Amino acid sequence: METWFYEVVRIDGDYAYLVRTDIESTDEKCVARALLPATISEGTHLKYELMQYEEC
């Protein structure tokens, strides 16, 4: 089981753009906001594990 950590860098309508924080990366990942916790905002830190995102 892998666990990845992300930061929400921007929100654009129904999508959020995430950057991994557990490795050195500048690649943005586009994720539908419906898959993320409802309370996210720019700067929120997330944990991705077992195909689910949660705030950390």
PDB file of N, CA and C in Angstrom:
ATOM      1  N   MET A   1       0.847  -1.170   0.000  1.00  0.00           N
ATOM      2  CA  MET A   1       0.000   0.000   0.000  1.00  0.00           C
ATOM      3  C   MET A   1       0.896   1.239   0.000  1.00  0.00           C
ATOM      4  N   GLU A   2       0.625   2.145  -0.907  1.00  0.00           N
ATOM      5  CA  GLU A   2       1.402   3.377  -0.985  1.00  0.00           C
ATOM      6  C   GLU A   2       0.584   4.546  -0.461  1.00  0.00           C
ATOM      7  N   THR A   3       1.290   5.492   0.120  1.00  0.00           N
ATOM      8  CA  THR A   3       0.687   6.727   0.608  1.00  0.00           C
ATOM      9  C   THR A   3       1.426   7.881  -0.032  1.00  0.00           C
ATOM     10  N   TRP A   4       0.676   8.823  -0.598  1.00  0.00           N
ATOM     11  CA  TRP A   4       1.263   9.997  -1.230  1.00  0.00           C
ATOM     12  C   TRP A   4       0.687  11.238  -0.574  1.00  0.00           C
ATOM     13  N   PHE A   5       1.484  12.300  -0.539  1.00  0.00           N
ATOM     14  CA  PHE A   5       1.064  13.562   0.064  1.00  0.00           C
ATOM     15  C   PHE A   5       1.087  14.661  -0.993  1.00  0.00           C
ATOM     16  N   TYR A   6       0.063  15.496  -0.938  1.00  0.00           N
ATOM     17  CA  TYR A   6      -0.118  16.557  -1.920  1.00  0.00           C
ATOM     18  C   TYR A   6      -0.457  17.870  -1.222  1.00  0.00           C
ATOM     19  N   GLU A   7      -0.251  18.960  -1.972  1.00  0.00           N
ATOM     20  CA  GLU A   7      -0.735  20.280  -1.570  1.00  0.00           C
ATOM     21  C   GLU A   7      -1.591  20.813  -2.705  1.00  0.00           C
ATOM     22  N   VAL A   8      -2.724  21.406  -2.348  1.00  0.00           N
ATOM     23  CA  VAL A   8      -3.586  22.039  -3.350  1.00  0.00           C
ATOM     24  C   VAL A   8      -2.938  23.366  -3.719  1.00  0.00           C
ATOM     25  N   VAL A   9      -2.529  23.494  -4.986  1.00  0.00           N
ATOM     26  CA  VAL A   9      -1.856  24.730  -5.399  1.00  0.00           C
ATOM     27  C   VAL A   9      -2.811  25.712  -6.053  1.00  0.00           C
ATOM     28  N   ARG A  10      -3.880  25.210  -6.652  1.00  0.00           N
ATOM     29  CA  ARG A  10      -4.897  26.124  -7.196  1.00  0.00           C
ATOM     30  C   ARG A  10      -6.197  25.363  -7.432  1.00  0.00           C
ATOM     31  N   ILE A  11      -7.271  26.127  -7.438  1.00  0.00           N
ATOM     32  CA  ILE A  11      -8.608  25.582  -7.689  1.00  0.00           C
ATOM     33  C   ILE A  11      -9.187  26.343  -8.863  1.00  0.00           C
ATOM     34  N   ASP A  12      -9.705  25.607  -9.826  1.00  0.00           N
ATOM     35  CA  ASP A  12     -10.279  26.194 -11.031  1.00  0.00           C
ATOM     36  C   ASP A  12     -11.618  25.518 -11.301  1.00  0.00           C
ATOM     37  N   GLY A  13     -12.694  26.136 -10.828  1.00  0.00           N
ATOM     38  CA  GLY A  13     -14.030  25.574 -11.031  1.00  0.00           C
ATOM     39  C   GLY A  13     -14.191  24.233 -10.345  1.00  0.00           C
ATOM     40  N   ASP A  14     -14.489  23.203 -11.111  1.00  0.00           N
ATOM     41  CA  ASP A  14     -14.731  21.866 -10.566  1.00  0.00           C
ATOM     42  C   ASP A  14     -13.461  21.048 -10.417  1.00  0.00           C
ATOM     43  N   TYR A  15     -12.312  21.653 -10.620  1.00  0.00           N
ATOM     44  CA  TYR A  15     -11.046  20.925 -10.562  1.00  0.00           C
ATOM     45  C   TYR A  15     -10.071  21.587  -9.605  1.00  0.00           C
ATOM     46  N   ALA A  16      -9.243  20.755  -8.978  1.00  0.00           N
ATOM     47  CA  ALA A  16      -8.163  21.244  -8.129  1.00  0.00           C
ATOM     48  C   ALA A  16      -6.855  20.711  -8.707  1.00  0.00           C
ATOM     49  N   TYR A  17      -5.817  21.497  -8.583  1.00  0.00           N
ATOM     50  CA  TYR A  17      -4.506  21.111  -9.081  1.00  0.00           C
ATOM     51  C   TYR A  17      -3.603  20.858  -7.880  1.00  0.00           C
ATOM     52  N   LEU A  18      -3.039  19.669  -7.841  1.00  0.00           N
ATOM     53  CA  LEU A  18      -2.245  19.224  -6.705  1.00  0.00           C
ATOM     54  C   LEU A  18      -0.794  19.020  -7.114  1.00  0.00           C
ATOM     55  N   VAL A  19       0.107  19.249  -6.158  1.00  0.00           N
ATOM     56  CA  VAL A  19       1.531  18.977  -6.346  1.00  0.00           C
ATOM     57  C   VAL A  19       1.967  18.071  -5.198  1.00  0.00           C
ATOM     58  N   ARG A  20       2.725  17.033  -5.532  1.00  0.00           N
ATOM     59  CA  ARG A  20       3.209  16.122  -4.495  1.00  0.00           C
ATOM     60  C   ARG A  20       4.216  16.831  -3.608  1.00  0.00           C
ATOM     61  N   THR A  21       4.119  16.554  -2.304  1.00  0.00           N
ATOM     62  CA  THR A  21       5.041  17.152  -1.348  1.00  0.00           C
ATOM     63  C   THR A  21       5.983  16.130  -0.733  1.00  0.00           C
ATOM     64  N   ASP A  22       5.734  14.841  -0.958  1.00  0.00           N
ATOM     65  CA  ASP A  22       6.595  13.806  -0.384  1.00  0.00           C
ATOM     66  C   ASP A  22       7.803  13.494  -1.271  1.00  0.00           C
ATOM     67  N   ILE A  23       7.820  14.036  -2.482  1.00  0.00           N
ATOM     68  CA  ILE A  23       8.969  13.917  -3.381  1.00  0.00           C
ATOM     69  C   ILE A  23       9.200  15.294  -4.000  1.00  0.00           C
ATOM     70  N   GLU A  24      10.350  15.489  -4.580  1.00  0.00           N
ATOM     71  CA  GLU A  24      10.627  16.761  -5.244  1.00  0.00           C
ATOM     72  C   GLU A  24       9.983  16.732  -6.624  1.00  0.00           C
ATOM     73  N   SER A  25       8.929  17.519  -6.798  1.00  0.00           N
ATOM     74  CA  SER A  25       8.189  17.537  -8.061  1.00  0.00           C
ATOM     75  C   SER A  25       7.494  18.877  -8.237  1.00  0.00           C
ATOM     76  N   THR A  26       7.411  19.311  -9.477  1.00  0.00           N
ATOM     77  CA  THR A  26       6.646  20.515  -9.790  1.00  0.00           C
ATOM     78  C   THR A  26       5.485  20.186 -10.709  1.00  0.00           C
ATOM     79  N   ASP A  27       5.313  18.896 -11.026  1.00  0.00           N
ATOM     80  CA  ASP A  27       4.210  18.477 -11.897  1.00  0.00           C
ATOM     81  C   ASP A  27       2.887  18.611 -11.170  1.00  0.00           C
ATOM     82  N   GLU A  28       1.913  19.234 -11.829  1.00  0.00           N
ATOM     83  CA  GLU A  28       0.585  19.383 -11.245  1.00  0.00           C
ATOM     84  C   GLU A  28      -0.311  18.234 -11.682  1.00  0.00           C
ATOM     85  N   LYS A  29      -1.120  17.765 -10.747  1.00  0.00           N
ATOM     86  CA  LYS A  29      -2.091  16.713 -11.020  1.00  0.00           C
ATOM     87  C   LYS A  29      -3.476  17.337 -10.928  1.00  0.00           C
ATOM     88  N   CYS A  30      -4.265  17.201 -11.979  1.00  0.00           N
ATOM     89  CA  CYS A  30      -5.619  17.741 -12.018  1.00  0.00           C
ATOM     90  C   CYS A  30      -6.587  16.688 -11.475  1.00  0.00           C
ATOM     91  N   VAL A  31      -7.364  17.070 -10.455  1.00  0.00           N
ATOM     92  CA  VAL A  31      -8.295  16.139  -9.805  1.00  0.00           C
ATOM     93  C   VAL A  31      -9.659  16.816  -9.691  1.00  0.00           C
ATOM     94  N   ALA A  32     -10.708  16.077 -10.013  1.00  0.00           N
ATOM     95  CA  ALA A  32     -12.068  16.597  -9.858  1.00  0.00           C
ATOM     96  C   ALA A  32     -12.345  16.861  -8.380  1.00  0.00           C
ATOM     97  N   ARG A  33     -12.911  18.011  -8.087  1.00  0.00           N
ATOM     98  CA  ARG A  33     -13.172  18.383  -6.688  1.00  0.00           C
ATOM     99  C   ARG A  33     -14.137  17.434  -6.012  1.00  0.00           C
ATOM    100  N   ALA A  34     -14.961  16.744  -6.789  1.00  0.00           N
ATOM    101  CA  ALA A  34     -15.901  15.773  -6.216  1.00  0.00           C
ATOM    102  C   ALA A  34     -15.161  14.620  -5.526  1.00  0.00           C
ATOM    103  N   LEU A  35     -13.913  14.383  -5.887  1.00  0.00           N
ATOM    104  CA  LEU A  35     -13.126  13.304  -5.282  1.00  0.00           C
ATOM    105  C   LEU A  35     -12.353  13.754  -4.046  1.00  0.00           C
ATOM    106  N   LEU A  36     -12.394  15.048  -3.754  1.00  0.00           N
ATOM    107  CA  LEU A  36     -11.626  15.624  -2.653  1.00  0.00           C
ATOM    108  C   LEU A  36     -12.552  16.034  -1.514  1.00  0.00           C
ATOM    109  N   PRO A  37     -12.010  16.202  -0.303  1.00  0.00           N
ATOM    110  CA  PRO A  37     -12.839  16.691   0.803  1.00  0.00           C
ATOM    111  C   PRO A  37     -13.464  18.046   0.447  1.00  0.00           C
ATOM    112  N   ALA A  38     -14.674  18.257   0.872  1.00  0.00           N
ATOM    113  CA  ALA A  38     -15.425  19.468   0.516  1.00  0.00           C
ATOM    114  C   ALA A  38     -14.805  20.744   1.081  1.00  0.00           C
ATOM    115  N   THR A  39     -14.001  20.631   2.121  1.00  0.00           N
ATOM    116  CA  THR A  39     -13.480  21.818   2.806  1.00  0.00           C
ATOM    117  C   THR A  39     -12.129  22.292   2.280  1.00  0.00           C
ATOM    118  N   ILE A  40     -11.637  21.742   1.167  1.00  0.00           N
ATOM    119  CA  ILE A  40     -10.311  22.129   0.692  1.00  0.00           C
ATOM    120  C   ILE A  40     -10.276  23.576   0.201  1.00  0.00           C
ATOM    121  N   SER A  41      -9.095  24.146   0.264  1.00  0.00           N
ATOM    122  CA  SER A  41      -8.823  25.466  -0.320  1.00  0.00           C
ATOM    123  C   SER A  41      -7.363  25.441  -0.759  1.00  0.00           C
ATOM    124  N   GLU A  42      -6.936  26.484  -1.435  1.00  0.00           N
ATOM    125  CA  GLU A  42      -5.539  26.541  -1.855  1.00  0.00           C
ATOM    126  C   GLU A  42      -4.647  26.491  -0.621  1.00  0.00           C
ATOM    127  N   GLY A  43      -3.625  25.658  -0.665  1.00  0.00           N
ATOM    128  CA  GLY A  43      -2.725  25.493   0.467  1.00  0.00           C
ATOM    129  C   GLY A  43      -3.055  24.303   1.350  1.00  0.00           C
ATOM    130  N   THR A  44      -4.211  23.678   1.143  1.00  0.00           N
ATOM    131  CA  THR A  44      -4.592  22.505   1.931  1.00  0.00           C
ATOM    132  C   THR A  44      -3.652  21.343   1.621  1.00  0.00           C
ATOM    133  N   HIS A  45      -3.262  20.621   2.661  1.00  0.00           N
ATOM    134  CA  HIS A  45      -2.419  19.435   2.493  1.00  0.00           C
ATOM    135  C   HIS A  45      -3.312  18.201   2.549  1.00  0.00           C
ATOM    136  N   LEU A  46      -3.060  17.273   1.624  1.00  0.00           N
ATOM    137  CA  LEU A  46      -3.882  16.079   1.505  1.00  0.00           C
ATOM    138  C   LEU A  46      -3.013  14.828   1.550  1.00  0.00           C
ATOM    139  N   LYS A  47      -3.626  13.760   2.014  1.00  0.00           N
ATOM    140  CA  LYS A  47      -2.998  12.443   1.982  1.00  0.00           C
ATOM    141  C   LYS A  47      -3.839  11.574   1.055  1.00  0.00           C
ATOM    142  N   TYR A  48      -3.168  10.866   0.136  1.00  0.00           N
ATOM    143  CA  TYR A  48      -3.848   9.951  -0.785  1.00  0.00           C
ATOM    144  C   TYR A  48      -3.444   8.534  -0.407  1.00  0.00           C
ATOM    145  N   GLU A  49      -4.449   7.751  -0.028  1.00  0.00           N
ATOM    146  CA  GLU A  49      -4.196   6.385   0.405  1.00  0.00           C
ATOM    147  C   GLU A  49      -5.457   5.569   0.151  1.00  0.00           C
ATOM    148  N   LEU A  50      -5.290   4.349  -0.348  1.00  0.00           N
ATOM    149  CA  LEU A  50      -6.414   3.459  -0.638  1.00  0.00           C
ATOM    150  C   LEU A  50      -7.444   4.130  -1.543  1.00  0.00           C
ATOM    151  N   MET A  51      -6.937   4.854  -2.554  1.00  0.00           N
ATOM    152  CA  MET A  51      -7.770   5.520  -3.556  1.00  0.00           C
ATOM    153  C   MET A  51      -8.691   6.594  -2.983  1.00  0.00           C
ATOM    154  N   GLN A  52      -8.294   7.186  -1.839  1.00  0.00           N
ATOM    155  CA  GLN A  52      -9.085   8.249  -1.220  1.00  0.00           C
ATOM    156  C   GLN A  52      -8.166   9.377  -0.763  1.00  0.00           C
ATOM    157  N   TYR A  53      -8.681  10.596  -0.883  1.00  0.00           N
ATOM    158  CA  TYR A  53      -7.962  11.776  -0.405  1.00  0.00           C
ATOM    159  C   TYR A  53      -8.553  12.197   0.923  1.00  0.00           C
ATOM    160  N   GLU A  54      -7.684  12.589   1.864  1.00  0.00           N
ATOM    161  CA  GLU A  54      -8.165  13.152   3.129  1.00  0.00           C
ATOM    162  C   GLU A  54      -7.204  14.246   3.569  1.00  0.00           C
ATOM    163  N   GLU A  55      -7.736  15.209   4.309  1.00  0.00           N
ATOM    164  CA  GLU A  55      -6.899  16.308   4.789  1.00  0.00           C
ATOM    165  C   GLU A  55      -5.957  15.799   5.870  1.00  0.00           C
ATOM    166  N   CYS A  56      -4.772  16.385   5.889  1.00  0.00           N
ATOM    167  CA  CYS A  56      -3.821  15.998   6.939  1.00  0.00           C
ATOM    168  C   CYS A  56      -3.145  17.226   7.515  1.00  0.00           C
TER     169      CYS A  56
END
